[in-house]
Protein backbone atom coordinates (compact mmCIF):
# COMPACT_ATOMS: atom_id res chain seq x y z
CA MET A 1 -12.93 1.45 -19.62
CA LEU A 2 -9.79 1.99 -17.53
CA VAL A 3 -6.60 0.55 -19.03
CA ASN A 4 -3.24 0.88 -17.29
CA GLU A 5 -0.63 -1.29 -15.56
CA SER A 6 -3.07 -2.10 -12.74
CA HIS A 7 -5.93 -2.76 -15.18
CA PRO A 8 -4.47 -4.64 -18.17
CA LEU A 9 -6.56 -5.89 -21.06
CA PRO A 10 -7.22 -9.62 -21.43
CA GLU A 11 -4.64 -11.46 -23.50
CA ASP A 12 -7.15 -12.18 -26.29
CA TYR A 13 -8.87 -8.77 -26.21
CA ILE A 14 -10.04 -7.39 -29.59
CA PRO A 15 -12.23 -4.24 -29.56
CA GLU A 16 -15.57 -4.26 -31.33
CA ASP A 17 -16.91 -1.93 -34.01
CA LEU A 18 -13.55 -0.88 -35.44
CA ILE A 19 -13.66 1.07 -38.68
CA SER A 20 -11.04 2.35 -41.11
CA LEU A 21 -10.34 5.90 -40.01
CA TYR A 22 -9.06 6.85 -43.44
CA SER A 23 -12.29 5.76 -45.14
CA LEU A 24 -14.50 7.63 -42.64
CA LYS A 25 -12.53 10.85 -42.16
CA ASN A 26 -13.76 14.23 -43.38
CA ARG A 27 -11.49 17.01 -44.62
CA SER A 28 -10.89 18.52 -41.19
CA PHE A 29 -7.63 16.66 -40.52
CA LEU A 30 -4.75 14.97 -42.29
CA MET A 31 -3.36 11.47 -41.99
CA ARG A 32 -1.24 9.08 -43.95
CA PRO A 33 -3.17 6.80 -46.35
CA VAL A 34 -2.71 3.80 -44.08
CA PRO A 35 -5.35 1.47 -42.62
CA TYR A 36 -5.59 3.03 -39.14
CA LEU A 37 -8.56 1.60 -37.28
CA LEU A 38 -10.64 3.35 -34.63
CA ASN A 39 -13.88 2.70 -32.81
CA ARG A 40 -16.75 3.94 -35.01
CA GLU A 41 -18.23 6.27 -32.39
CA ALA A 42 -14.77 7.65 -31.50
CA ALA A 43 -14.02 8.20 -35.20
CA LYS A 44 -17.21 10.22 -35.76
CA ALA A 45 -16.43 12.31 -32.68
CA LEU A 46 -12.88 12.86 -33.96
CA ASN A 47 -14.28 14.23 -37.23
CA ASP A 48 -16.48 16.67 -35.31
CA MET A 49 -13.66 17.75 -32.98
CA CYS A 50 -11.15 18.39 -35.75
CA LEU A 51 -13.75 20.21 -37.84
CA ALA A 52 -14.52 22.53 -34.91
CA ALA A 53 -10.80 23.19 -34.32
CA LYS A 54 -10.37 24.11 -37.97
CA LYS A 55 -13.42 26.38 -38.11
CA GLU A 56 -12.91 28.05 -34.74
CA ARG A 57 -9.13 28.52 -34.79
CA GLY A 58 -7.88 27.47 -38.22
CA PHE A 59 -5.76 24.56 -37.01
CA GLU A 60 -4.46 22.05 -39.54
CA ILE A 61 -4.38 18.76 -37.61
CA VAL A 62 -2.58 15.51 -38.21
CA THR A 63 -3.89 12.27 -36.74
CA ASP A 64 -1.52 9.43 -35.97
CA HIS A 65 -1.32 6.18 -33.99
CA ALA A 66 -4.88 4.92 -33.60
CA TYR A 67 -5.66 1.24 -32.84
CA ARG A 68 -2.78 -1.17 -32.28
CA THR A 69 -2.92 -4.93 -31.95
CA ARG A 70 -1.08 -6.57 -29.07
CA LYS A 71 1.70 -7.51 -31.48
CA ASP A 72 1.90 -3.91 -32.77
CA GLN A 73 2.14 -2.58 -29.21
CA GLU A 74 4.88 -5.05 -28.36
CA LEU A 75 6.91 -3.87 -31.36
CA VAL A 76 6.46 -0.20 -30.41
CA TYR A 77 7.39 -0.94 -26.81
CA ARG A 78 10.55 -2.78 -27.79
CA THR A 79 11.74 0.00 -30.12
CA ASP A 80 10.59 3.04 -28.11
CA VAL A 81 13.16 5.69 -27.14
CA SER A 82 10.78 8.15 -25.46
CA GLY A 83 10.10 6.24 -22.26
CA CYS A 84 6.38 6.96 -22.69
CA THR A 85 5.18 3.72 -24.28
CA ALA A 86 2.97 1.47 -22.16
CA LYS A 87 3.62 -2.23 -21.90
CA PRO A 88 1.66 -4.56 -24.20
CA GLY A 89 -1.75 -5.19 -22.67
CA CYS A 90 -1.59 -1.90 -20.74
CA SER A 91 -1.88 0.50 -23.65
CA GLU A 92 -5.03 2.42 -24.50
CA HIS A 93 -4.13 2.14 -28.17
CA GLU A 94 -5.24 -1.48 -27.91
CA THR A 95 -8.79 -0.32 -27.10
CA GLY A 96 -9.35 1.47 -30.43
CA LEU A 97 -10.48 4.51 -28.44
CA CYS A 98 -7.51 6.85 -28.61
CA VAL A 99 -5.48 8.83 -31.14
CA ASP A 100 -2.40 11.01 -31.20
CA LEU A 101 -3.00 14.53 -32.55
CA PHE A 102 -0.68 17.37 -33.45
CA CYS A 103 -0.74 20.64 -35.36
CA THR A 104 1.09 20.99 -38.67
CA ASP A 105 2.23 24.51 -37.73
CA GLN A 106 4.82 23.94 -34.99
CA SER A 107 4.80 27.66 -34.14
CA ARG A 108 1.19 27.14 -32.95
CA ALA A 109 1.83 23.86 -31.13
CA ILE A 110 1.28 25.29 -27.64
CA GLU A 111 -1.78 27.24 -28.78
CA PHE A 112 -3.20 24.08 -30.35
CA HIS A 113 -2.51 22.00 -27.25
CA ASP A 114 -4.19 24.58 -24.99
CA TYR A 115 -7.23 24.77 -27.26
CA LEU A 116 -7.67 21.02 -27.52
CA THR A 117 -7.25 20.30 -23.80
CA GLU A 118 -9.87 22.96 -23.06
CA ASN A 119 -12.36 21.83 -25.70
CA CYS A 120 -11.94 18.11 -26.41
CA HIS A 121 -14.53 17.20 -23.72
CA ARG A 122 -17.20 18.79 -25.93
CA PHE A 123 -16.70 15.84 -28.28
CA GLY A 124 -16.26 13.05 -25.74
CA TYR A 125 -12.44 13.14 -25.63
CA ILE A 126 -10.09 13.73 -22.71
CA TYR A 127 -6.45 14.76 -22.56
CA ARG A 128 -5.29 11.48 -21.10
CA TYR A 129 -1.83 12.06 -19.62
CA PRO A 130 -1.44 15.62 -18.27
CA ARG A 131 1.49 16.85 -16.21
CA GLY A 132 1.15 16.49 -12.46
CA TRP A 133 -0.61 13.11 -12.63
CA GLU A 134 2.42 10.96 -13.44
CA HIS A 135 2.30 9.38 -9.97
CA ILE A 136 -1.18 8.07 -10.83
CA THR A 137 -1.07 7.33 -14.56
CA ARG A 138 2.53 6.01 -14.46
CA ILE A 139 3.03 7.65 -17.87
CA PRO A 140 4.99 10.91 -18.37
CA GLU A 141 3.07 13.85 -19.81
CA SER A 142 2.03 12.96 -23.37
CA PRO A 143 0.88 16.14 -25.16
CA ARG A 144 -0.49 14.33 -28.24
CA HIS A 145 -2.49 11.53 -26.65
CA TYR A 146 -6.31 11.90 -26.52
CA ARG A 147 -8.79 9.27 -25.40
CA TYR A 148 -12.47 8.91 -26.26
CA VAL A 149 -14.69 8.22 -23.23
CA GLY A 150 -18.06 9.64 -24.37
CA ASN A 151 -19.57 13.08 -23.81
CA GLU A 152 -20.95 12.60 -20.31
CA THR A 153 -17.82 11.04 -18.85
CA ALA A 154 -15.57 13.58 -20.59
CA ARG A 155 -17.65 16.43 -19.16
CA LYS A 156 -17.41 15.04 -15.62
CA ILE A 157 -13.65 14.52 -15.88
CA LYS A 158 -13.23 18.08 -17.18
CA GLU A 159 -15.39 19.59 -14.43
CA SER A 160 -13.59 17.59 -11.75
CA ASP A 161 -10.17 18.57 -13.15
CA THR A 162 -8.99 14.98 -12.88
CA VAL A 163 -7.83 12.06 -15.03
CA LEU A 164 -9.56 8.79 -15.90
CA GLU A 165 -8.08 7.09 -12.82
CA GLY A 166 -9.43 9.94 -10.69
CA TYR A 167 -12.87 9.54 -12.27
CA HIS A 168 -12.89 5.93 -11.05
CA ASP A 169 -11.38 6.81 -7.65
CA SER A 170 -12.07 10.33 -6.36
CA SER A 171 -9.47 9.99 -3.59
CA LEU A 172 -6.66 10.33 -6.16
CA LYS A 173 -5.32 13.86 -6.33
CA GLN A 174 -3.00 15.83 -8.58
CA ARG A 175 0.48 16.74 -7.42
CA THR A 176 2.63 19.72 -8.31
CA PRO A 177 2.77 20.14 -12.10
CA PHE A 178 6.54 20.46 -11.82
CA SER A 179 7.63 16.90 -11.22
CA ILE A 180 11.30 16.10 -10.73
CA PRO A 181 12.21 15.25 -14.37
CA TYR A 182 10.86 18.60 -15.59
CA ILE A 183 12.50 20.59 -12.77
CA PHE A 184 15.80 18.95 -13.53
CA MET A 185 15.53 19.70 -17.24
CA SER A 186 14.81 23.36 -16.46
CA ILE A 187 17.91 23.58 -14.24
CA PHE A 188 20.31 22.21 -16.80
CA GLY A 189 18.60 23.55 -19.92
CA PRO A 190 20.67 22.82 -23.03
CA LYS A 191 22.59 20.07 -21.25
CA MET A 192 19.40 18.05 -21.14
CA LYS A 193 18.50 18.37 -24.82
CA GLY A 194 17.77 14.85 -26.01
CA HIS A 195 16.69 13.87 -22.48
CA TRP A 196 15.86 10.14 -22.35
CA GLN A 197 17.15 9.51 -25.88
CA ARG A 198 20.91 9.85 -25.63
CA TRP A 199 23.81 10.53 -23.29
CA PRO A 200 23.80 14.26 -22.34
CA ASP A 201 26.84 16.52 -22.51
CA ILE A 202 28.02 16.36 -18.90
CA ASN A 203 30.79 18.38 -17.25
CA LEU A 204 31.42 17.08 -13.74
CA ASP A 205 33.46 20.13 -12.80
CA GLU A 206 30.47 22.36 -13.51
CA LEU A 207 28.17 20.07 -11.52
CA ARG A 208 30.59 20.11 -8.58
CA GLN A 209 30.41 23.89 -8.48
CA ILE A 210 26.77 23.39 -7.53
CA ASN A 211 27.38 20.39 -5.27
CA PRO A 212 30.94 19.12 -4.63
CA GLU A 213 29.61 15.71 -3.59
CA THR A 214 28.69 14.85 -7.20
CA VAL A 215 30.72 11.79 -8.24
CA GLY A 216 29.13 10.91 -11.57
CA TRP A 217 26.11 10.68 -13.84
CA ILE A 218 23.75 7.81 -14.70
CA HIS A 219 21.67 7.55 -17.89
CA MET A 220 19.40 4.87 -19.37
CA ASP A 221 18.14 5.41 -22.92
CA GLY A 222 14.37 5.61 -23.29
CA THR A 223 13.73 6.25 -19.58
CA PRO A 224 13.73 9.28 -17.23
CA ILE A 225 16.86 7.85 -15.54
CA ASP A 226 19.21 10.75 -16.32
CA TYR A 227 20.67 12.08 -13.07
CA PRO A 228 23.82 12.97 -11.18
CA VAL A 229 25.21 10.37 -8.79
CA MET A 230 25.87 11.63 -5.26
CA TYR A 231 28.16 10.32 -2.51
CA HIS A 232 28.28 11.44 1.13
CA ARG A 233 31.27 9.92 2.86
CA GLU A 234 30.15 10.50 6.48
CA TYR A 235 26.43 9.74 6.10
CA PRO A 236 25.96 7.14 3.31
CA GLU A 237 22.15 7.53 3.14
CA TYR A 238 22.15 11.33 3.27
CA TYR A 239 21.00 11.66 -0.34
CA LEU A 240 18.02 9.41 0.15
CA ALA A 241 16.39 12.50 1.64
CA HIS A 242 18.25 15.33 -0.14
CA ASN A 243 18.31 16.39 -3.77
CA PHE A 244 21.19 17.48 -6.00
CA SER A 245 20.87 21.05 -4.69
CA ASP A 246 21.37 19.71 -1.14
CA GLU A 247 17.79 20.53 -0.18
CA PRO A 248 15.53 18.19 1.84
CA SER A 249 13.51 16.15 -0.66
CA ALA A 250 11.33 13.04 -0.54
CA HIS A 251 12.61 12.17 -4.01
CA GLY A 252 16.19 12.21 -2.82
CA SER A 253 18.96 11.55 -5.35
CA ILE A 254 20.71 8.63 -6.97
CA LEU A 255 23.35 7.82 -4.36
CA MET A 256 26.47 5.71 -4.28
CA TYR A 257 27.48 3.71 -1.21
CA GLU A 258 31.01 2.89 -0.20
CA SER A 259 32.14 -0.09 -2.27
CA PRO A 260 31.02 -3.35 -0.60
CA GLY A 261 33.95 -5.20 -2.16
CA PRO A 262 36.73 -5.04 -4.78
CA GLY A 263 35.37 -4.15 -8.22
CA ILE A 264 31.78 -3.64 -6.97
CA CYS A 265 29.78 -0.39 -7.18
CA LEU A 266 26.47 -0.06 -5.31
CA LEU A 267 23.88 2.58 -6.28
CA SER A 268 20.43 3.19 -4.84
CA GLY A 269 17.50 5.46 -5.62
CA HIS A 270 13.86 5.86 -4.69
CA HIS A 271 11.00 4.44 -6.76
CA MET A 272 8.87 7.55 -7.30
CA LYS A 273 5.39 7.28 -8.78
CA ASP A 274 5.86 10.38 -10.96
CA CYS A 275 8.26 8.42 -13.21
CA SER A 276 11.35 9.97 -11.63
CA MET A 277 14.48 8.53 -9.97
CA PHE A 278 14.65 4.72 -10.23
CA MET A 279 10.95 4.10 -10.95
CA LYS A 280 11.78 2.68 -14.39
CA LEU A 281 13.99 0.00 -12.82
CA ILE A 282 10.83 -1.58 -11.41
CA GLU A 283 9.50 -1.96 -14.95
CA ILE A 284 12.48 -4.17 -15.77
CA SER A 285 11.04 -6.82 -13.45
CA ASP A 286 9.73 -8.90 -16.38
CA GLN A 287 11.76 -10.56 -19.13
CA MET A 288 10.43 -8.41 -21.95
CA SER A 289 11.41 -5.16 -20.19
CA PHE A 290 14.73 -6.74 -19.22
CA ASP A 291 15.37 -7.28 -22.93
CA VAL A 292 14.10 -3.82 -23.95
CA HIS A 293 16.38 -1.99 -21.49
CA PRO A 294 19.47 -4.22 -21.40
CA GLU A 295 22.00 -1.59 -20.37
CA LEU A 296 22.74 1.88 -19.07
CA SER A 297 25.61 4.37 -19.16
CA LEU A 298 27.45 5.39 -16.01
CA LEU A 299 30.09 8.07 -15.58
CA LEU A 300 32.14 7.83 -12.37
CA GLU A 301 34.79 10.52 -11.91
CA LYS A 302 36.66 10.45 -15.26
CA THR A 303 35.67 6.93 -16.30
CA MET A 304 32.71 6.10 -18.54
CA TYR A 305 31.10 2.66 -18.26
CA GLN A 306 28.58 0.79 -20.36
CA VAL A 307 26.65 -1.44 -17.96
CA SER A 308 24.93 -4.58 -19.26
CA TRP A 309 22.43 -6.30 -16.95
CA PHE A 310 23.00 -9.97 -16.29
CA ALA A 311 20.76 -10.73 -13.28
CA ALA A 312 17.75 -9.37 -11.37
CA TYR A 313 16.36 -10.15 -7.92
CA ARG A 314 13.62 -9.18 -5.49
CA GLU A 315 14.78 -8.94 -1.89
CA LYS A 316 13.13 -8.15 1.46
CA THR A 317 15.52 -5.34 2.49
CA GLU A 318 18.79 -3.68 1.50
CA ARG A 319 20.50 -6.03 3.94
CA ASN A 320 19.47 -8.97 1.77
CA ILE A 321 21.35 -7.77 -1.31
CA SER A 322 23.62 -10.60 -2.38
CA LEU A 323 27.35 -9.84 -2.00
CA PRO A 324 30.54 -11.95 -2.07
CA GLU A 325 31.48 -13.59 1.23
CA ASP A 326 34.88 -11.85 1.19
CA GLY A 327 37.23 -9.96 -1.11
CA SER A 328 38.88 -13.01 -2.62
CA THR A 329 38.74 -13.87 -6.32
CA ALA A 330 37.29 -17.29 -5.50
CA ALA A 331 34.48 -15.78 -3.41
CA LYS A 332 33.60 -13.32 -6.18
CA ALA A 333 33.53 -16.10 -8.80
CA LYS A 334 31.26 -18.21 -6.58
CA TRP A 335 29.01 -15.20 -6.00
CA LEU A 336 28.66 -14.44 -9.72
CA HIS A 337 27.83 -18.08 -10.47
CA ARG A 338 25.13 -18.06 -7.80
CA LEU A 339 23.67 -14.79 -9.14
CA LYS A 340 23.26 -16.27 -12.61
CA GLU A 341 21.88 -19.59 -11.37
CA GLU A 342 19.28 -18.17 -8.97
CA SER A 343 18.28 -14.90 -10.68
CA LEU A 344 14.69 -13.87 -11.32
CA LEU A 345 15.74 -12.65 -14.79
CA SER A 346 18.96 -13.16 -16.70
CA SER A 347 20.69 -12.40 -19.99
CA ASP A 348 23.51 -13.97 -21.98
CA VAL A 349 26.02 -11.62 -20.28
CA ASN A 350 28.44 -13.69 -18.17
CA PRO A 351 30.85 -11.65 -16.02
CA THR A 352 34.00 -13.13 -14.51
CA SER A 353 35.70 -12.56 -11.17
CA GLY A 354 38.02 -9.97 -12.73
CA ASP A 355 35.16 -7.76 -14.00
CA GLU A 356 33.69 -4.69 -12.34
CA ILE A 357 30.06 -5.10 -11.25
CA LEU A 358 27.31 -2.53 -10.74
CA ILE A 359 24.46 -3.17 -8.30
CA CYS A 360 21.38 -0.92 -8.59
CA SER A 361 18.61 -1.18 -6.01
CA THR A 362 15.27 0.53 -5.49
CA CYS A 363 12.21 0.01 -3.33
CA ALA A 364 9.42 -2.15 -4.75
CA ARG A 365 6.29 -1.31 -2.82
CA LYS A 366 4.03 -3.89 -4.45
CA GLN A 367 6.50 -6.64 -3.56
CA LYS A 368 7.06 -5.09 -0.09
CA GLY A 369 10.81 -5.12 -0.53
CA ILE A 370 13.44 -3.99 -3.00
CA PHE A 371 14.26 -4.76 -6.61
CA VAL A 372 17.93 -5.27 -7.48
CA LEU A 373 19.71 -5.33 -10.85
CA TYR A 374 23.27 -6.59 -11.37
CA GLY A 375 25.30 -5.39 -14.34
CA LEU A 376 28.68 -5.88 -15.96
CA MET A 377 30.64 -2.58 -16.10
CA GLU A 378 32.79 -2.15 -19.22
CA LYS A 379 35.00 0.93 -19.63
CA GLN A 380 34.26 3.17 -22.60
CA GLU A 381 35.75 6.27 -24.15
CA ALA A 382 34.51 9.18 -22.00
CA GLY A 383 33.86 12.22 -24.16
CA GLY A 384 32.69 15.61 -22.86
CA VAL A 385 33.30 14.84 -19.18
């Protein structure tokens, strides 16, 4: 069974043959005394796998997050800060066939991960979301997530060095294991501690020593959107094809265009399948995601902004992005009213003609156009800039 954004579960889906994992477990792993459910066959295989790991390498294993109902998944999705949680209906946890596993001894975490990824196929499990396949799975690397597929399928996936999507479609191939989010974290090291969860400690002067065309930083909690903002005065689209280090790159950078009008800031970034750049903006194209990710933080020069989304649109091209007719206050007020009235998605945020507005756009391949978010920019105290 393949479950992802392209293959969602039916709305009323309930897996068969679920059993209480706590009542069935042997002494090979630990878990909280809670009523976690798992498919019976997957649970028996989990017992065997954890027992082998304990006997062969002495690992003490903790099992967490087994079956989730649709309502459970929706709650996790709404409160997630990791950026790794699948949308309700698209999560494998709703199948009753997957578990999250980790070692109690954190000093052996890497050793445990290496052992399990090399041996889980012996028991019908696969390491579901490895690095280098983000452009296919649409989920960042998830070191704890293991999925039961049965011995034969697990063996074939292991021998083919692929993922479940690749098992169903052999034309899908792995990319470099060093996708953009991980490269960027390695460059900035301690600055990126807490990546995806909170605003990083940014010093624009230090960033400009690497690239003087850095004008700011953009961050959205719970997503990989955590990048410098670039601006090339002579060639506005230069950073669509160049990275922060000024090297040619298909990923490009988050770039700022010259202001299209008073109090309006326009940013753009690619929608990359490996979860980098503005890919997560596409996921805000439904009302639930719009509510889950209602805002982002934006540093421009010495000013920090909290940006709250108030409208979303799908457009054919960048040229179709809605802008005021002219620079007058009346034109801006009319434009804002139209945005709220005609938007694909909206919130209870209501900007006025005197407010600063952020426009973020990214390509939307499935819609054969672009996806655009409009946000109200409110100045905040800028610490550590």
